[in-house]
């Protein structure tokens, strides 16, 4: 419904509703930003705990893979923070940011799979590798389409 379809009596109420929703959206983005900031602190702390546990357990390879998995989560949070900053500066949210986050999470799963408590099955490995391949292909196609002249 467009503005000219509203009865004149609702125009003032419509403006108030729009202002309230804009305020609420701004507040929501502040909460999202604070939550992302807290998660940076938490994942950084978790990374150092992983390194400490690896050193105490004298199993550096296992600990390194776990710590690398934690760093990849931190990378995902960083990509989301960058997207949020661009959005708050007036840019649109771009889909490749979210594809990048999903791709990093797929790769993280493949990296930490060897150090899981239970050995993964061939089907599970195939599913994660196939998913990572599909997300990578989607990312490349989106980036390629953006470089094409309109």
Protein backbone atom coordinates (compact mmCIF):
# COMPACT_ATOMS: atom_id res chain seq x y z
CA UNK A 1 0.00 0.00 0.00
CA UNK A 2 1.46 3.35 -1.02
CA UNK A 3 1.22 6.64 0.83
CA UNK A 4 -1.42 8.03 -1.55
CA UNK A 5 -3.73 5.09 -0.84
CA UNK A 6 -3.97 5.94 2.86
CA UNK A 7 -6.83 8.10 4.05
CA UNK A 8 -5.65 11.52 5.17
CA UNK A 9 -6.61 10.70 8.76
CA UNK A 10 -3.90 8.02 8.89
CA UNK A 11 -1.00 10.08 7.53
CA UNK A 12 0.08 11.38 10.94
CA UNK A 13 -0.25 7.91 12.50
CA UNK A 14 1.70 6.45 9.58
CA UNK A 15 4.56 8.91 10.11
CA UNK A 16 4.64 8.09 13.82
CA UNK A 17 4.69 4.36 13.08
CA UNK A 18 7.55 4.77 10.58
CA UNK A 19 9.60 6.85 13.05
CA UNK A 20 9.00 4.26 15.80
CA UNK A 21 10.09 1.42 13.50
CA UNK A 22 13.22 3.33 12.44
CA UNK A 23 14.08 3.94 16.09
CA UNK A 24 13.45 0.29 16.94
CA UNK A 25 15.57 -0.85 13.98
CA UNK A 26 18.41 1.42 15.10
CA UNK A 27 18.17 0.03 18.61
CA UNK A 28 18.22 -3.52 17.22
CA UNK A 29 21.43 -2.77 15.31
CA UNK A 30 23.03 -1.36 18.45
CA UNK A 31 22.16 -4.61 20.26
CA UNK A 32 23.54 -6.65 17.34
CA UNK A 33 26.76 -4.62 17.39
CA UNK A 34 27.19 -5.07 21.14
CA UNK A 35 26.50 -8.81 20.88
CA UNK A 36 29.10 -9.12 18.12
CA UNK A 37 31.61 -7.19 20.24
CA UNK A 38 31.00 -9.48 23.20
CA UNK A 39 31.42 -12.53 20.96
CA UNK A 40 34.81 -11.20 19.79
CA UNK A 41 35.96 -11.08 23.39
CA UNK A 42 34.55 -14.54 24.11
CA UNK A 43 36.10 -16.20 21.02
CA UNK A 44 39.44 -14.52 21.70
CA UNK A 45 39.36 -15.86 25.27
CA UNK A 46 38.37 -19.31 23.96
CA UNK A 47 41.28 -19.27 21.50
CA UNK A 48 43.80 -18.64 24.29
CA UNK A 49 42.16 -21.34 26.43
CA UNK A 50 42.51 -23.78 23.51
CA UNK A 51 46.20 -22.89 23.17
CA UNK A 52 46.69 -23.28 26.93
CA UNK A 53 44.96 -26.68 26.98
CA UNK A 54 47.06 -27.84 24.03
CA UNK A 55 50.25 -26.84 25.82
CA UNK A 56 49.24 -28.57 29.05
CA UNK A 57 48.11 -31.74 27.26
CA UNK A 58 51.34 -31.90 25.21
CA UNK A 59 49.24 -32.48 22.11
CA UNK A 60 50.05 -29.48 19.96
CA UNK A 61 48.62 -30.79 16.69
CA UNK A 62 45.23 -31.55 18.24
CA UNK A 63 45.25 -28.26 20.12
CA UNK A 64 46.37 -26.30 17.08
CA UNK A 65 43.44 -27.61 15.02
CA UNK A 66 40.99 -26.75 17.80
CA UNK A 67 42.49 -23.26 18.17
CA UNK A 68 42.36 -22.80 14.40
CA UNK A 69 38.68 -23.71 14.49
CA UNK A 70 38.11 -21.05 17.13
CA UNK A 71 39.98 -18.48 15.05
CA UNK A 72 37.74 -19.30 12.10
CA UNK A 73 34.71 -18.53 14.27
CA UNK A 74 36.36 -15.23 15.14
CA UNK A 75 36.87 -14.61 11.41
CA UNK A 76 33.15 -15.17 10.82
CA UNK A 77 32.26 -12.71 13.57
CA UNK A 78 34.68 -10.19 12.06
CA UNK A 79 32.97 -10.51 8.66
CA UNK A 80 29.60 -9.92 10.31
CA UNK A 81 30.95 -6.89 12.16
CA UNK A 82 32.28 -5.46 8.89
CA UNK A 83 28.86 -6.00 7.28
CA UNK A 84 27.15 -4.32 10.23
CA UNK A 85 29.51 -1.33 10.03
CA UNK A 86 28.85 -0.95 6.30
CA UNK A 87 25.10 -1.17 6.93
CA UNK A 88 25.21 1.45 9.68
CA UNK A 89 27.18 3.71 7.33
CA UNK A 90 24.33 3.52 4.82
CA UNK A 91 25.40 0.69 2.54
CA UNK A 92 23.21 -2.26 1.70
CA UNK A 93 23.84 -5.69 3.13
CA UNK A 94 25.53 -7.82 0.48
CA UNK A 95 24.80 -11.50 0.11
CA UNK A 96 28.44 -12.50 -0.41
CA UNK A 97 29.20 -11.52 3.20
CA UNK A 98 26.81 -14.19 4.43
CA UNK A 99 28.06 -16.72 1.87
CA UNK A 100 31.60 -16.01 3.08
CA UNK A 101 30.53 -16.64 6.68
CA UNK A 102 28.87 -19.94 5.74
CA UNK A 103 31.90 -20.97 3.67
CA UNK A 104 34.24 -20.25 6.58
CA UNK A 105 32.00 -22.32 8.87
CA UNK A 106 32.07 -25.21 6.39
CA UNK A 107 35.86 -25.02 6.25
CA UNK A 108 36.04 -24.82 10.03
CA UNK A 109 34.03 -28.02 10.31
CA UNK A 110 36.38 -29.76 7.86
CA UNK A 111 39.41 -28.59 9.85
CA UNK A 112 38.13 -29.69 13.26
CA UNK A 113 36.61 -32.94 11.99
CA UNK A 114 39.83 -34.94 12.57
CA UNK A 115 39.96 -33.91 16.24
CA UNK A 116 36.34 -34.70 17.09
CA UNK A 117 35.63 -37.32 19.71
CA UNK A 118 33.81 -39.54 17.20
CA UNK A 119 35.35 -40.39 13.83
CA UNK A 120 33.31 -38.97 10.96
CA UNK A 121 31.76 -41.30 8.43
CA UNK A 122 32.52 -41.12 4.72
CA UNK A 123 29.00 -39.79 4.13
CA UNK A 124 29.50 -37.03 6.70
CA UNK A 125 32.83 -36.01 5.18
CA UNK A 126 31.30 -36.08 1.69
CA UNK A 127 28.41 -33.91 2.83
CA UNK A 128 30.68 -31.26 4.34
CA UNK A 129 33.12 -31.27 1.39
CA UNK A 130 30.23 -31.06 -1.07
CA UNK A 131 28.62 -28.24 0.88
CA UNK A 132 31.90 -26.32 1.02
CA UNK A 133 32.37 -26.84 -2.72
CA UNK A 134 28.84 -25.61 -3.48
CA UNK A 135 29.24 -22.54 -1.26
CA UNK A 136 32.62 -21.78 -2.85
CA UNK A 137 31.10 -22.11 -6.32
CA UNK A 138 28.20 -19.84 -5.34
CA UNK A 139 30.66 -17.26 -3.94
CA UNK A 140 32.73 -17.31 -7.16
CA UNK A 141 29.60 -16.98 -9.33
CA UNK A 142 28.33 -14.00 -7.34
CA UNK A 143 31.71 -12.26 -7.46
CA UNK A 144 31.99 -13.00 -11.20
CA UNK A 145 28.51 -11.64 -11.90
CA UNK A 146 29.33 -8.41 -10.07
CA UNK A 147 32.34 -7.82 -12.35
CA UNK A 148 30.25 -8.19 -15.49
CA UNK A 149 29.13 -4.94 -17.16
CA UNK A 150 25.47 -4.20 -16.51
